[in-house]
């Protein structure tokens, strides 16, 4: 996962590390980003390395 083309660093969520690496282990909501203030518009990219992963919804806020 990348934020503005870079690994998330300190903005990583519970389910990924500072490099943006994580694993999908079950069907549930995953926290990928935890942005601290000030909150600004960002672009994020997610790449799945294995087949079979599906994304149904993203939540913000």
Protein backbone atom coordinates (compact mmCIF):
# COMPACT_ATOMS: atom_id res chain seq x y z
CA UNK A 1 0.00 0.00 0.00
CA UNK A 2 1.23 3.48 -0.85
CA UNK A 3 0.11 6.94 0.20
CA UNK A 4 0.95 9.66 -2.31
CA UNK A 5 3.33 7.18 -4.00
CA UNK A 6 5.28 6.41 -0.82
CA UNK A 7 5.05 3.78 1.96
CA UNK A 8 2.73 5.03 4.72
CA UNK A 9 5.44 5.52 7.37
CA UNK A 10 3.71 6.75 10.54
CA UNK A 11 0.28 6.85 8.81
CA UNK A 12 -0.04 3.06 8.74
CA UNK A 13 -3.14 1.40 10.16
CA UNK A 14 -3.49 -1.56 12.51
CA UNK A 15 -3.43 -4.14 9.69
CA UNK A 16 -0.30 -2.99 7.81
CA UNK A 17 3.23 -2.00 8.77
CA UNK A 18 5.13 1.23 8.07
CA UNK A 19 6.22 -0.24 4.72
CA UNK A 20 2.56 -0.68 3.72
CA UNK A 21 2.72 -4.49 3.90
CA UNK A 22 -0.10 -6.56 5.33
CA UNK A 23 -2.00 -9.80 4.86
CA UNK A 24 -5.64 -10.58 4.21
CA UNK A 25 -6.49 -13.52 6.47
CA UNK A 26 -10.28 -13.42 6.68
CA UNK A 27 -13.34 -11.54 5.48
CA UNK A 28 -13.53 -8.41 7.67
CA UNK A 29 -12.87 -4.68 7.79
CA UNK A 30 -9.13 -3.88 7.65
CA UNK A 31 -7.59 -0.60 8.85
CA UNK A 32 -4.96 0.35 6.31
CA UNK A 33 -4.37 4.04 7.04
CA UNK A 34 -4.44 6.03 10.27
CA UNK A 35 -3.66 9.64 9.31
CA UNK A 36 -2.83 12.11 12.05
CA UNK A 37 -3.76 15.78 11.94
CA UNK A 38 -3.80 17.88 9.92
CA UNK A 39 -6.08 15.77 7.73
CA UNK A 40 -5.49 16.53 4.06
CA UNK A 41 -6.49 14.95 0.76
CA UNK A 42 -4.24 12.01 -0.09
CA UNK A 43 -4.03 9.37 -2.81
CA UNK A 44 -3.63 5.76 -1.78
CA UNK A 45 -2.83 2.66 -3.82
CA UNK A 46 -3.39 -0.95 -2.88
CA UNK A 47 -1.75 -3.84 -4.73
CA UNK A 48 -2.73 -7.43 -3.97
CA UNK A 49 0.07 -9.88 -4.69
CA UNK A 50 -2.13 -12.99 -4.55
CA UNK A 51 -5.26 -13.73 -6.54
CA UNK A 52 -8.68 -14.19 -4.98
CA UNK A 53 -8.83 -11.02 -2.87
CA UNK A 54 -11.93 -8.89 -3.39
CA UNK A 55 -12.68 -5.37 -2.12
CA UNK A 56 -16.30 -4.45 -1.50
CA UNK A 57 -16.20 -1.10 0.33
CA UNK A 58 -13.92 1.62 1.63
CA UNK A 59 -14.81 3.78 4.63
CA UNK A 60 -13.29 7.11 5.57
CA UNK A 61 -13.64 9.14 8.71
